[in-house]
Amino acid sequence: MMTASASTLLNYPGKEDVAPEWVWSHLTPAHQHEVFESLVKLCWQIVQSVEMTTADADPAVRHKDEVAHEDEVADESA
């Protein structure tokens, strides 16, 4: 099987017609790992954003987080 670099696949003419499975199968294992790590980081950023939004919107969540933080600070200084 021939492999291609990520930049080659991203600049492929007619790329809109290419199935994601085909692209994934033509990436090298190193590029697959890069893509996977990027997706994990993106998902983590989304989770953090949702948590922050939820904390801002719900005073009970914000209070719980503030108490947990205060407990951590107290533990560290003890």
C-alpha atoms as a PDB file:
ATOM      1  CA  MET A   1       0.000   0.000   0.000  1.00  0.00           C
ATOM      2  CA  MET A   2       1.307   3.438  -0.875  1.00  0.00           C
ATOM      3  CA  THR A   3       1.322   6.031   1.884  1.00  0.00           C
ATOM      4  CA  ALA A   4       1.192   9.773   1.516  1.00  0.00           C
ATOM      5  CA  SER A   5       2.033  12.700   3.721  1.00  0.00           C
ATOM      6  CA  ALA A   6      -0.731  14.649   5.418  1.00  0.00           C
ATOM      7  CA  SER A   7       0.068  17.773   3.396  1.00  0.00           C
ATOM      8  CA  THR A   8      -0.209  15.834   0.125  1.00  0.00           C
ATOM      9  CA  LEU A   9      -3.612  14.503   1.113  1.00  0.00           C
ATOM     10  CA  LEU A  10      -4.840  17.877   2.317  1.00  0.00           C
ATOM     11  CA  ASN A  11      -3.871  19.501  -1.000  1.00  0.00           C
ATOM     12  CA  TYR A  12      -5.258  16.706  -3.153  1.00  0.00           C
ATOM     13  CA  PRO A  13      -7.427  18.034  -6.037  1.00  0.00           C
ATOM     14  CA  GLY A  14     -11.040  17.010  -5.538  1.00  0.00           C
ATOM     15  CA  LYS A  15     -10.401  16.295  -1.861  1.00  0.00           C
ATOM     16  CA  GLU A  16     -14.074  16.991  -1.113  1.00  0.00           C
ATOM     17  CA  ASP A  17     -14.907  13.729  -2.889  1.00  0.00           C
ATOM     18  CA  VAL A  18     -12.479  11.615  -0.860  1.00  0.00           C
ATOM     19  CA  ALA A  19     -13.863   9.481   1.972  1.00  0.00           C
ATOM     20  CA  PRO A  20     -12.267  10.036   5.418  1.00  0.00           C
ATOM     21  CA  GLU A  21     -11.593   6.287   5.651  1.00  0.00           C
ATOM     22  CA  TRP A  22      -9.534   6.437   2.469  1.00  0.00           C
ATOM     23  CA  VAL A  23      -7.494   9.367   3.770  1.00  0.00           C
ATOM     24  CA  TRP A  24      -6.887   7.621   7.109  1.00  0.00           C
ATOM     25  CA  SER A  25      -5.786   4.404   5.402  1.00  0.00           C
ATOM     26  CA  HIS A  26      -3.232   6.311   3.313  1.00  0.00           C
ATOM     27  CA  LEU A  27      -1.603   8.110   6.237  1.00  0.00           C
ATOM     28  CA  THR A  28       1.569   6.715   7.696  1.00  0.00           C
ATOM     29  CA  PRO A  29       1.308   5.389  11.269  1.00  0.00           C
ATOM     30  CA  ALA A  30       3.227   8.456  12.477  1.00  0.00           C
ATOM     31  CA  HIS A  31       0.744  10.789  10.784  1.00  0.00           C
ATOM     32  CA  GLN A  32      -2.175   8.761  12.154  1.00  0.00           C
ATOM     33  CA  HIS A  33      -0.692   9.229  15.630  1.00  0.00           C
ATOM     34  CA  GLU A  34      -0.360  12.990  15.019  1.00  0.00           C
ATOM     35  CA  VAL A  35      -3.975  13.239  13.906  1.00  0.00           C
ATOM     36  CA  PHE A  36      -5.147  11.194  16.887  1.00  0.00           C
ATOM     37  CA  GLU A  37      -3.220  13.402  19.345  1.00  0.00           C
ATOM     38  CA  SER A  38      -4.675  16.525  17.739  1.00  0.00           C
ATOM     39  CA  LEU A  39      -8.191  15.140  18.056  1.00  0.00           C
ATOM     40  CA  VAL A  40      -7.636  14.273  21.721  1.00  0.00           C
ATOM     41  CA  LYS A  41      -6.364  17.812  22.406  1.00  0.00           C
ATOM     42  CA  LEU A  42      -9.327  19.312  20.566  1.00  0.00           C
ATOM     43  CA  CYS A  43     -11.789  17.154  22.506  1.00  0.00           C
ATOM     44  CA  TRP A  44     -10.108  18.134  25.782  1.00  0.00           C
ATOM     45  CA  GLN A  45     -10.404  21.836  24.882  1.00  0.00           C
ATOM     46  CA  ILE A  46     -14.099  21.346  24.139  1.00  0.00           C
ATOM     47  CA  VAL A  47     -14.655  19.575  27.468  1.00  0.00           C
ATOM     48  CA  GLN A  48     -12.880  22.362  29.345  1.00  0.00           C
ATOM     49  CA  SER A  49     -14.880  24.996  27.505  1.00  0.00           C
ATOM     50  CA  VAL A  50     -18.156  23.269  28.346  1.00  0.00           C
ATOM     51  CA  GLU A  51     -17.121  22.898  31.984  1.00  0.00           C
ATOM     52  CA  MET A  52     -16.251  26.601  32.192  1.00  0.00           C
ATOM     53  CA  THR A  53     -19.525  27.583  30.550  1.00  0.00           C
ATOM     54  CA  THR A  54     -21.454  25.317  32.918  1.00  0.00           C
ATOM     55  CA  ALA A  55     -19.634  26.736  35.929  1.00  0.00           C
ATOM     56  CA  ASP A  56     -20.377  30.291  34.807  1.00  0.00           C
ATOM     57  CA  ALA A  57     -24.037  29.502  34.248  1.00  0.00           C
ATOM     58  CA  ASP A  58     -24.668  27.480  37.413  1.00  0.00           C
ATOM     59  CA  PRO A  59     -23.695  29.109  40.736  1.00  0.00           C
ATOM     60  CA  ALA A  60     -23.852  25.727  42.518  1.00  0.00           C
ATOM     61  CA  VAL A  61     -21.209  24.287  40.185  1.00  0.00           C
ATOM     62  CA  ARG A  62     -19.064  27.391  40.526  1.00  0.00           C
ATOM     63  CA  HIS A  63     -19.349  27.249  44.333  1.00  0.00           C
ATOM     64  CA  LYS A  64     -18.397  23.555  44.366  1.00  0.00           C
ATOM     65  CA  ASP A  65     -15.334  24.290  42.223  1.00  0.00           C
ATOM     66  CA  GLU A  66     -14.338  27.226  44.432  1.00  0.00           C
ATOM     67  CA  VAL A  67     -14.623  25.074  47.567  1.00  0.00           C
ATOM     68  CA  ALA A  68     -12.554  22.314  45.950  1.00  0.00           C
ATOM     69  CA  HIS A  69      -9.891  24.857  44.974  1.00  0.00           C
ATOM     70  CA  GLU A  70      -9.840  26.324  48.489  1.00  0.00           C
ATOM     71  CA  ASP A  71      -9.422  22.804  49.898  1.00  0.00           C
ATOM     72  CA  GLU A  72      -6.489  22.153  47.534  1.00  0.00           C
ATOM     73  CA  VAL A  73      -4.814  25.416  48.559  1.00  0.00           C
ATOM     74  CA  ALA A  74      -5.317  24.595  52.248  1.00  0.00           C
ATOM     75  CA  ASP A  75      -3.836  21.112  51.751  1.00  0.00           C
ATOM     76  CA  GLU A  76      -0.790  22.539  49.952  1.00  0.00           C
ATOM     77  CA  SER A  77      -0.079  25.116  52.636  1.00  0.00           C
ATOM     78  CA  ALA A  78      -0.443  22.610  55.472  1.00  0.00           C
END
